[in-house]
């Protein structure tokens, strides 16, 4: 989800947190650090006028975008099967 959010221009943490509001700030920070460590994003610190950090995809990170599009398309075409499987496996479900 973070990689998808960075598909366009570089974004500040607060700009990322809006579409990813279900992620806690701590987890978002940890995820951004892991993505940076693995070479998918680069962080740039701007000291002036006010200190802020922007994140953007590297060429390695951009190389994932097509794969993510493919995965989303697959999930969309198999959504009913995925929901059925989840409902079947849920703790309240009954098996025969």
PDB file of N, CA and C in Angstrom:
ATOM      1  N   UNK A   1       0.821  -1.190   0.000  1.00  0.00           N
ATOM      2  CA  UNK A   1       0.000   0.000   0.000  1.00  0.00           C
ATOM      3  C   UNK A   1       0.867   1.258   0.000  1.00  0.00           C
ATOM      4  N   UNK A   2       1.969   1.208   0.740  1.00  0.00           N
ATOM      5  CA  UNK A   2       2.857   2.359   0.787  1.00  0.00           C
ATOM      6  C   UNK A   2       3.462   2.610  -0.590  1.00  0.00           C
ATOM      7  N   UNK A   3       3.892   1.558  -1.242  1.00  0.00           N
ATOM      8  CA  UNK A   3       4.489   1.705  -2.565  1.00  0.00           C
ATOM      9  C   UNK A   3       3.488   2.306  -3.539  1.00  0.00           C
ATOM     10  N   UNK A   4       2.256   1.855  -3.475  1.00  0.00           N
ATOM     11  CA  UNK A   4       1.217   2.410  -4.334  1.00  0.00           C
ATOM     12  C   UNK A   4       1.013   3.899  -4.042  1.00  0.00           C
ATOM     13  N   UNK A   5       1.039   4.287  -2.786  1.00  0.00           N
ATOM     14  CA  UNK A   5       0.850   5.698  -2.413  1.00  0.00           C
ATOM     15  C   UNK A   5       1.997   6.571  -2.898  1.00  0.00           C
ATOM     16  N   UNK A   6       3.160   5.989  -3.103  1.00  0.00           N
ATOM     17  CA  UNK A   6       4.320   6.748  -3.561  1.00  0.00           C
ATOM     18  C   UNK A   6       4.483   6.709  -5.079  1.00  0.00           C
ATOM     19  N   UNK A   7       3.507   6.166  -5.774  1.00  0.00           N
ATOM     20  CA  UNK A   7       3.607   6.013  -7.226  1.00  0.00           C
ATOM     21  C   UNK A   7       3.807   7.351  -7.942  1.00  0.00           C
ATOM     22  N   UNK A   8       3.172   8.391  -7.463  1.00  0.00           N
ATOM     23  CA  UNK A   8       3.290   9.703  -8.108  1.00  0.00           C
ATOM     24  C   UNK A   8       4.502  10.457  -7.616  1.00  0.00           C
ATOM     25  N   UNK A   9       4.270  11.604  -7.053  1.00  0.00           N
ATOM     26  CA  UNK A   9       5.346  12.464  -6.557  1.00  0.00           C
ATOM     27  C   UNK A   9       5.822  12.010  -5.185  1.00  0.00           C
ATOM     28  N   UNK A  10       6.992  12.528  -4.757  1.00  0.00           N
ATOM     29  CA  UNK A  10       7.438  12.272  -3.379  1.00  0.00           C
ATOM     30  C   UNK A  10       6.383  12.789  -2.397  1.00  0.00           C
ATOM     31  N   UNK A  11       6.291  12.126  -1.251  1.00  0.00           N
ATOM     32  CA  UNK A  11       5.287  12.531  -0.259  1.00  0.00           C
ATOM     33  C   UNK A  11       5.901  12.602   1.121  1.00  0.00           C
ATOM     34  N   UNK A  12       5.358  13.529   1.901  1.00  0.00           N
ATOM     35  CA  UNK A  12       5.748  13.634   3.307  1.00  0.00           C
ATOM     36  C   UNK A  12       4.982  12.588   4.109  1.00  0.00           C
ATOM     37  N   UNK A  13       5.484  12.330   5.307  1.00  0.00           N
ATOM     38  CA  UNK A  13       4.851  11.349   6.198  1.00  0.00           C
ATOM     39  C   UNK A  13       3.370  11.655   6.381  1.00  0.00           C
ATOM     40  N   UNK A  14       3.053  12.919   6.665  1.00  0.00           N
ATOM     41  CA  UNK A  14       1.653  13.291   6.908  1.00  0.00           C
ATOM     42  C   UNK A  14       0.790  13.075   5.668  1.00  0.00           C
ATOM     43  N   UNK A  15       1.380  13.229   4.486  1.00  0.00           N
ATOM     44  CA  UNK A  15       0.636  12.978   3.248  1.00  0.00           C
ATOM     45  C   UNK A  15       0.405  11.492   3.036  1.00  0.00           C
ATOM     46  N   UNK A  16       1.341  10.670   3.481  1.00  0.00           N
ATOM     47  CA  UNK A  16       1.171   9.217   3.375  1.00  0.00           C
ATOM     48  C   UNK A  16       0.152   8.704   4.376  1.00  0.00           C
ATOM     49  N   UNK A  17       0.141   9.327   5.539  1.00  0.00           N
ATOM     50  CA  UNK A  17      -0.709   8.818   6.604  1.00  0.00           C
ATOM     51  C   UNK A  17      -2.187   9.018   6.307  1.00  0.00           C
ATOM     52  N   UNK A  18      -2.538   9.984   5.476  1.00  0.00           N
ATOM     53  CA  UNK A  18      -3.952  10.218   5.153  1.00  0.00           C
ATOM     54  C   UNK A  18      -4.573   8.991   4.476  1.00  0.00           C
ATOM     55  N   UNK A  19      -4.024   8.499   3.355  1.00  0.00           N
ATOM     56  CA  UNK A  19      -4.651   7.321   2.749  1.00  0.00           C
ATOM     57  C   UNK A  19      -4.385   6.029   3.537  1.00  0.00           C
ATOM     58  N   UNK A  20      -3.390   6.052   4.402  1.00  0.00           N
ATOM     59  CA  UNK A  20      -3.027   4.861   5.180  1.00  0.00           C
ATOM     60  C   UNK A  20      -3.413   5.010   6.642  1.00  0.00           C
ATOM     61  N   UNK A  21      -4.498   5.738   6.914  1.00  0.00           N
ATOM     62  CA  UNK A  21      -4.875   6.080   8.286  1.00  0.00           C
ATOM     63  C   UNK A  21      -5.177   4.887   9.176  1.00  0.00           C
ATOM     64  N   UNK A  22      -5.389   3.715   8.591  1.00  0.00           N
ATOM     65  CA  UNK A  22      -5.625   2.517   9.404  1.00  0.00           C
ATOM     66  C   UNK A  22      -4.329   1.936   9.957  1.00  0.00           C
ATOM     67  N   UNK A  23      -3.205   2.476   9.508  1.00  0.00           N
ATOM     68  CA  UNK A  23      -1.899   2.054  10.008  1.00  0.00           C
ATOM     69  C   UNK A  23      -1.474   3.050  11.085  1.00  0.00           C
ATOM     70  N   UNK A  24      -0.984   2.554  12.196  1.00  0.00           N
ATOM     71  CA  UNK A  24      -0.532   3.467  13.246  1.00  0.00           C
ATOM     72  C   UNK A  24       0.729   4.194  12.779  1.00  0.00           C
ATOM     73  N   UNK A  25       0.967   5.391  13.288  1.00  0.00           N
ATOM     74  CA  UNK A  25       2.190   6.106  12.912  1.00  0.00           C
ATOM     75  C   UNK A  25       3.458   5.290  13.169  1.00  0.00           C
ATOM     76  N   UNK A  26       3.475   4.539  14.259  1.00  0.00           N
ATOM     77  CA  UNK A  26       4.647   3.726  14.581  1.00  0.00           C
ATOM     78  C   UNK A  26       4.882   2.664  13.508  1.00  0.00           C
ATOM     79  N   UNK A  27       3.830   1.976  13.100  1.00  0.00           N
ATOM     80  CA  UNK A  27       3.964   0.927  12.085  1.00  0.00           C
ATOM     81  C   UNK A  27       4.327   1.536  10.727  1.00  0.00           C
ATOM     82  N   UNK A  28       3.748   2.696  10.407  1.00  0.00           N
ATOM     83  CA  UNK A  28       4.099   3.361   9.153  1.00  0.00           C
ATOM     84  C   UNK A  28       5.576   3.741   9.157  1.00  0.00           C
ATOM     85  N   UNK A  29       6.067   4.285  10.262  1.00  0.00           N
ATOM     86  CA  UNK A  29       7.480   4.643  10.374  1.00  0.00           C
ATOM     87  C   UNK A  29       8.361   3.405  10.212  1.00  0.00           C
ATOM     88  N   UNK A  30       8.017   2.326  10.892  1.00  0.00           N
ATOM     89  CA  UNK A  30       8.795   1.087  10.784  1.00  0.00           C
ATOM     90  C   UNK A  30       8.783   0.554   9.357  1.00  0.00           C
ATOM     91  N   UNK A  31       7.633   0.619   8.715  1.00  0.00           N
ATOM     92  CA  UNK A  31       7.515   0.127   7.336  1.00  0.00           C
ATOM     93  C   UNK A  31       8.341   0.975   6.382  1.00  0.00           C
ATOM     94  N   UNK A  32       8.302   2.304   6.545  1.00  0.00           N
ATOM     95  CA  UNK A  32       9.098   3.188   5.695  1.00  0.00           C
ATOM     96  C   UNK A  32      10.590   2.921   5.890  1.00  0.00           C
ATOM     97  N   UNK A  33      11.012   2.705   7.116  1.00  0.00           N
ATOM     98  CA  UNK A  33      12.427   2.409   7.375  1.00  0.00           C
ATOM     99  C   UNK A  33      12.835   1.091   6.723  1.00  0.00           C
ATOM    100  N   UNK A  34      11.962   0.097   6.789  1.00  0.00           N
ATOM    101  CA  UNK A  34      12.262  -1.196   6.161  1.00  0.00           C
ATOM    102  C   UNK A  34      12.325  -1.064   4.643  1.00  0.00           C
ATOM    103  N   UNK A  35      11.402  -0.304   4.065  1.00  0.00           N
ATOM    104  CA  UNK A  35      11.423  -0.093   2.614  1.00  0.00           C
ATOM    105  C   UNK A  35      12.683   0.664   2.187  1.00  0.00           C
ATOM    106  N   UNK A  36      13.119   1.601   3.011  1.00  0.00           N
ATOM    107  CA  UNK A  36      14.361   2.327   2.715  1.00  0.00           C
ATOM    108  C   UNK A  36      15.557   1.395   2.822  1.00  0.00           C
ATOM    109  N   UNK A  37      15.603   0.602   3.878  1.00  0.00           N
ATOM    110  CA  UNK A  37      16.703  -0.341   4.086  1.00  0.00           C
ATOM    111  C   UNK A  37      16.821  -1.316   2.914  1.00  0.00           C
ATOM    112  N   UNK A  38      15.671  -1.719   2.373  1.00  0.00           N
ATOM    113  CA  UNK A  38      15.669  -2.693   1.279  1.00  0.00           C
ATOM    114  C   UNK A  38      15.831  -2.053  -0.093  1.00  0.00           C
ATOM    115  N   UNK A  39      15.939  -0.724  -0.138  1.00  0.00           N
ATOM    116  CA  UNK A  39      16.216  -0.042  -1.388  1.00  0.00           C
ATOM    117  C   UNK A  39      15.010   0.315  -2.238  1.00  0.00           C
ATOM    118  N   UNK A  40      13.798   0.198  -1.666  1.00  0.00           N
ATOM    119  CA  UNK A  40      12.584   0.506  -2.425  1.00  0.00           C
ATOM    120  C   UNK A  40      12.233   1.989  -2.406  1.00  0.00           C
ATOM    121  N   UNK A  41      12.630   2.692  -1.341  1.00  0.00           N
ATOM    122  CA  UNK A  41      12.363   4.126  -1.258  1.00  0.00           C
ATOM    123  C   UNK A  41      13.627   4.841  -0.814  1.00  0.00           C
ATOM    124  N   UNK A  42      13.624   6.142  -1.033  1.00  0.00           N
ATOM    125  CA  UNK A  42      14.687   7.000  -0.533  1.00  0.00           C
ATOM    126  C   UNK A  42      14.017   8.119   0.263  1.00  0.00           C
ATOM    127  N   UNK A  43      14.617   8.438   1.406  1.00  0.00           N
ATOM    128  CA  UNK A  43      14.110   9.522   2.250  1.00  0.00           C
ATOM    129  C   UNK A  43      15.022  10.720   2.081  1.00  0.00           C
ATOM    130  N   UNK A  44      14.420  11.891   1.912  1.00  0.00           N
ATOM    131  CA  UNK A  44      15.181  13.136   1.796  1.00  0.00           C
ATOM    132  C   UNK A  44      14.730  14.069   2.901  1.00  0.00           C
ATOM    133  N   UNK A  45      15.691  14.541   3.696  1.00  0.00           N
ATOM    134  CA  UNK A  45      15.394  15.461   4.791  1.00  0.00           C
ATOM    135  C   UNK A  45      15.598  16.886   4.292  1.00  0.00           C
ATOM    136  N   UNK A  46      14.562  17.703   4.440  1.00  0.00           N
ATOM    137  CA  UNK A  46      14.622  19.122   4.096  1.00  0.00           C
ATOM    138  C   UNK A  46      14.628  19.906   5.402  1.00  0.00           C
ATOM    139  N   UNK A  47      15.688  20.679   5.623  1.00  0.00           N
ATOM    140  CA  UNK A  47      15.824  21.402   6.881  1.00  0.00           C
ATOM    141  C   UNK A  47      15.097  22.744   6.878  1.00  0.00           C
ATOM    142  N   UNK A  48      14.864  23.321   5.713  1.00  0.00           N
ATOM    143  CA  UNK A  48      14.260  24.651   5.660  1.00  0.00           C
ATOM    144  C   UNK A  48      13.123  24.682   4.679  1.00  0.00           C
ATOM    145  N   UNK A  49      12.117  25.472   4.871  1.00  0.00           N
ATOM    146  CA  UNK A  49      11.899  26.406   5.975  1.00  0.00           C
ATOM    147  C   UNK A  49      11.545  25.680   7.265  1.00  0.00           C
ATOM    148  N   UNK A  50      10.827  24.608   7.187  1.00  0.00           N
ATOM    149  CA  UNK A  50      10.556  23.790   8.373  1.00  0.00           C
ATOM    150  C   UNK A  50      11.056  22.387   8.059  1.00  0.00           C
ATOM    151  N   UNK A  51      11.606  21.733   9.049  1.00  0.00           N
ATOM    152  CA  UNK A  51      12.144  20.385   8.820  1.00  0.00           C
ATOM    153  C   UNK A  51      11.032  19.443   8.410  1.00  0.00           C
ATOM    154  N   UNK A  52      11.242  18.759   7.297  1.00  0.00           N
ATOM    155  CA  UNK A  52      10.322  17.705   6.900  1.00  0.00           C
ATOM    156  C   UNK A  52      11.086  16.654   6.112  1.00  0.00           C
ATOM    157  N   UNK A  53      10.516  15.481   6.058  1.00  0.00           N
ATOM    158  CA  UNK A  53      11.132  14.358   5.361  1.00  0.00           C
ATOM    159  C   UNK A  53      10.179  13.914   4.260  1.00  0.00           C
ATOM    160  N   UNK A  54      10.731  13.775   3.067  1.00  0.00           N
ATOM    161  CA  UNK A  54       9.931  13.261   1.961  1.00  0.00           C
ATOM    162  C   UNK A  54      10.445  11.891   1.573  1.00  0.00           C
ATOM    163  N   UNK A  55       9.516  11.040   1.158  1.00  0.00           N
ATOM    164  CA  UNK A  55       9.856   9.707   0.685  1.00  0.00           C
ATOM    165  C   UNK A  55       9.460   9.593  -0.770  1.00  0.00           C
ATOM    166  N   UNK A  56      10.288   8.898  -1.543  1.00  0.00           N
ATOM    167  CA  UNK A  56       9.931   8.629  -2.928  1.00  0.00           C
ATOM    168  C   UNK A  56      10.475   7.272  -3.335  1.00  0.00           C
ATOM    169  N   UNK A  57       9.859   6.711  -4.353  1.00  0.00           N
ATOM    170  CA  UNK A  57      10.278   5.408  -4.830  1.00  0.00           C
ATOM    171  C   UNK A  57      11.600   5.503  -5.574  1.00  0.00           C
ATOM    172  N   UNK A  58      12.428   4.493  -5.399  1.00  0.00           N
ATOM    173  CA  UNK A  58      13.635   4.350  -6.201  1.00  0.00           C
ATOM    174  C   UNK A  58      13.247   3.599  -7.474  1.00  0.00           C
ATOM    175  N   UNK A  59      14.188   3.401  -8.364  1.00  0.00           N
ATOM    176  CA  UNK A  59      13.881   2.620  -9.571  1.00  0.00           C
ATOM    177  C   UNK A  59      13.513   1.185  -9.187  1.00  0.00           C
ATOM    178  N   UNK A  60      14.127   0.666  -8.136  1.00  0.00           N
ATOM    179  CA  UNK A  60      13.772  -0.671  -7.664  1.00  0.00           C
ATOM    180  C   UNK A  60      12.329  -0.696  -7.166  1.00  0.00           C
ATOM    181  N   UNK A  61      11.946   0.316  -6.412  1.00  0.00           N
ATOM    182  CA  UNK A  61      10.571   0.413  -5.927  1.00  0.00           C
ATOM    183  C   UNK A  61       9.576   0.555  -7.074  1.00  0.00           C
ATOM    184  N   UNK A  62       9.936   1.366  -8.069  1.00  0.00           N
ATOM    185  CA  UNK A  62       9.053   1.538  -9.232  1.00  0.00           C
ATOM    186  C   UNK A  62       8.876   0.240 -10.004  1.00  0.00           C
ATOM    187  N   UNK A  63       9.886  -0.623  -9.962  1.00  0.00           N
ATOM    188  CA  UNK A  63       9.790  -1.893 -10.684  1.00  0.00           C
ATOM    189  C   UNK A  63       8.710  -2.807 -10.092  1.00  0.00           C
ATOM    190  N   UNK A  64       8.269  -2.523  -8.873  1.00  0.00           N
ATOM    191  CA  UNK A  64       7.205  -3.315  -8.240  1.00  0.00           C
ATOM    192  C   UNK A  64       5.806  -2.906  -8.691  1.00  0.00           C
ATOM    193  N   UNK A  65       5.652  -1.708  -9.237  1.00  0.00           N
ATOM    194  CA  UNK A  65       4.316  -1.190  -9.552  1.00  0.00           C
ATOM    195  C   UNK A  65       3.541  -2.094 -10.509  1.00  0.00           C
ATOM    196  N   UNK A  66       4.181  -2.587 -11.547  1.00  0.00           N
ATOM    197  CA  UNK A  66       3.502  -3.485 -12.491  1.00  0.00           C
ATOM    198  C   UNK A  66       3.078  -4.783 -11.826  1.00  0.00           C
ATOM    199  N   UNK A  67       3.934  -5.309 -10.964  1.00  0.00           N
ATOM    200  CA  UNK A  67       3.595  -6.539 -10.239  1.00  0.00           C
ATOM    201  C   UNK A  67       2.405  -6.320  -9.310  1.00  0.00           C
ATOM    202  N   UNK A  68       2.371  -5.173  -8.657  1.00  0.00           N
ATOM    203  CA  UNK A  68       1.248  -4.864  -7.766  1.00  0.00           C
ATOM    204  C   UNK A  68      -0.050  -4.712  -8.547  1.00  0.00           C
ATOM    205  N   UNK A  69       0.027  -4.101  -9.733  1.00  0.00           N
ATOM    206  CA  UNK A  69      -1.162  -3.994 -10.587  1.00  0.00           C
ATOM    207  C   UNK A  69      -1.676  -5.377 -10.966  1.00  0.00           C
ATOM    208  N   UNK A  70      -0.762  -6.274 -11.291  1.00  0.00           N
ATOM    209  CA  UNK A  70      -1.132  -7.647 -11.649  1.00  0.00           C
ATOM    210  C   UNK A  70      -1.775  -8.360 -10.461  1.00  0.00           C
ATOM    211  N   UNK A  71      -1.200  -8.189  -9.274  1.00  0.00           N
ATOM    212  CA  UNK A  71      -1.748  -8.829  -8.072  1.00  0.00           C
ATOM    213  C   UNK A  71      -3.144  -8.288  -7.754  1.00  0.00           C
ATOM    214  N   UNK A  72      -3.334  -6.968  -7.900  1.00  0.00           N
ATOM    215  CA  UNK A  72      -4.661  -6.375  -7.656  1.00  0.00           C
ATOM    216  C   UNK A  72      -5.685  -6.888  -8.659  1.00  0.00           C
ATOM    217  N   UNK A  73      -5.285  -7.012  -9.910  1.00  0.00           N
ATOM    218  CA  UNK A  73      -6.199  -7.527 -10.939  1.00  0.00           C
ATOM    219  C   UNK A  73      -6.575  -8.978 -10.628  1.00  0.00           C
ATOM    220  N   UNK A  74      -5.594  -9.770 -10.216  1.00  0.00           N
ATOM    221  CA  UNK A  74      -5.870 -11.171  -9.870  1.00  0.00           C
ATOM    222  C   UNK A  74      -6.838 -11.237  -8.685  1.00  0.00           C
ATOM    223  N   UNK A  75      -6.572 -10.443  -7.654  1.00  0.00           N
ATOM    224  CA  UNK A  75      -7.438 -10.441  -6.470  1.00  0.00           C
ATOM    225  C   UNK A  75      -8.851 -10.001  -6.844  1.00  0.00           C
ATOM    226  N   UNK A  76      -8.963  -9.012  -7.711  1.00  0.00           N
ATOM    227  CA  UNK A  76     -10.285  -8.553  -8.134  1.00  0.00           C
ATOM    228  C   UNK A  76     -11.059  -9.619  -8.884  1.00  0.00           C
ATOM    229  N   UNK A  77     -10.378 -10.386  -9.722  1.00  0.00           N
ATOM    230  CA  UNK A  77     -11.081 -11.412 -10.487  1.00  0.00           C
ATOM    231  C   UNK A  77     -11.368 -12.661  -9.655  1.00  0.00           C
ATOM    232  N   UNK A  78     -10.725 -12.812  -8.521  1.00  0.00           N
ATOM    233  CA  UNK A  78     -10.942 -13.973  -7.654  1.00  0.00           C
ATOM    234  C   UNK A  78     -11.567 -13.592  -6.316  1.00  0.00           C
ATOM    235  N   UNK A  79     -12.107 -12.393  -6.230  1.00  0.00           N
ATOM    236  CA  UNK A  79     -12.627 -11.891  -4.963  1.00  0.00           C
ATOM    237  C   UNK A  79     -13.690 -12.799  -4.359  1.00  0.00           C
ATOM    238  N   UNK A  80     -14.633 -13.259  -5.172  1.00  0.00           N
ATOM    239  CA  UNK A  80     -15.685 -14.130  -4.639  1.00  0.00           C
ATOM    240  C   UNK A  80     -15.101 -15.411  -4.044  1.00  0.00           C
ATOM    241  N   UNK A  81     -14.131 -15.996  -4.725  1.00  0.00           N
ATOM    242  CA  UNK A  81     -13.497 -17.221  -4.215  1.00  0.00           C
ATOM    243  C   UNK A  81     -12.746 -16.943  -2.910  1.00  0.00           C
ATOM    244  N   UNK A  82     -12.083 -15.802  -2.842  1.00  0.00           N
ATOM    245  CA  UNK A  82     -11.348 -15.448  -1.633  1.00  0.00           C
ATOM    246  C   UNK A  82     -12.288 -15.248  -0.452  1.00  0.00           C
ATOM    247  N   UNK A  83     -13.410 -14.575  -0.699  1.00  0.00           N
ATOM    248  CA  UNK A  83     -14.392 -14.357   0.370  1.00  0.00           C
ATOM    249  C   UNK A  83     -14.991 -15.681   0.818  1.00  0.00           C
ATOM    250  N   UNK A  84     -15.334 -16.553  -0.132  1.00  0.00           N
ATOM    251  CA  UNK A  84     -15.880 -17.873   0.219  1.00  0.00           C
ATOM    252  C   UNK A  84     -14.888 -18.670   1.059  1.00  0.00           C
ATOM    253  N   UNK A  85     -13.631 -18.658   0.672  1.00  0.00           N
ATOM    254  CA  UNK A  85     -12.609 -19.397   1.423  1.00  0.00           C
ATOM    255  C   UNK A  85     -12.464 -18.840   2.833  1.00  0.00           C
ATOM    256  N   UNK A  86     -12.474 -17.533   2.968  1.00  0.00           N
ATOM    257  CA  UNK A  86     -12.330 -16.916   4.283  1.00  0.00           C
ATOM    258  C   UNK A  86     -13.524 -17.263   5.161  1.00  0.00           C
ATOM    259  N   UNK A  87     -14.731 -17.200   4.594  1.00  0.00           N
ATOM    260  CA  UNK A  87     -15.940 -17.519   5.363  1.00  0.00           C
ATOM    261  C   UNK A  87     -15.944 -18.985   5.793  1.00  0.00           C
ATOM    262  N   UNK A  88     -15.468 -19.839   4.927  1.00  0.00           N
ATOM    263  CA  UNK A  88     -15.400 -21.263   5.241  1.00  0.00           C
ATOM    264  C   UNK A  88     -14.409 -21.527   6.369  1.00  0.00           C
ATOM    265  N   UNK A  89     -13.323 -20.786   6.389  1.00  0.00           N
ATOM    266  CA  UNK A  89     -12.268 -21.006   7.380  1.00  0.00           C
ATOM    267  C   UNK A  89     -12.465 -20.215   8.663  1.00  0.00           C
ATOM    268  N   UNK A  90     -13.462 -19.344   8.709  1.00  0.00           N
ATOM    269  CA  UNK A  90     -13.636 -18.519   9.906  1.00  0.00           C
ATOM    270  C   UNK A  90     -14.021 -19.384  11.101  1.00  0.00           C
ATOM    271  N   UNK A  91     -13.646 -18.959  12.321  1.00  0.00           N
ATOM    272  CA  UNK A  91     -13.895 -19.766  13.521  1.00  0.00           C
ATOM    273  C   UNK A  91     -15.358 -20.137  13.735  1.00  0.00           C
ATOM    274  N   UNK A  92     -16.275 -19.298  13.327  1.00  0.00           N
ATOM    275  CA  UNK A  92     -17.702 -19.575  13.547  1.00  0.00           C
ATOM    276  C   UNK A  92     -18.319 -20.465  12.488  1.00  0.00           C
ATOM    277  N   UNK A  93     -17.537 -20.817  11.473  1.00  0.00           N
ATOM    278  CA  UNK A  93     -18.112 -21.620  10.371  1.00  0.00           C
ATOM    279  C   UNK A  93     -18.202 -23.086  10.774  1.00  0.00           C
ATOM    280  N   UNK A  94     -19.099 -23.785  10.100  1.00  0.00           N
ATOM    281  CA  UNK A  94     -19.288 -25.205  10.375  1.00  0.00           C
ATOM    282  C   UNK A  94     -18.751 -26.007   9.216  1.00  0.00           C
ATOM    283  N   UNK A  95     -18.048 -27.077   9.508  1.00  0.00           N
ATOM    284  CA  UNK A  95     -17.557 -27.964   8.467  1.00  0.00           C
ATOM    285  C   UNK A  95     -18.307 -29.269   8.581  1.00  0.00           C
ATOM    286  N   UNK A  96     -18.568 -29.869   7.435  1.00  0.00           N
ATOM    287  CA  UNK A  96     -19.328 -31.129   7.420  1.00  0.00           C
ATOM    288  C   UNK A  96     -18.427 -32.312   7.429  1.00  0.00           C
TER     289      UNK A  96
END
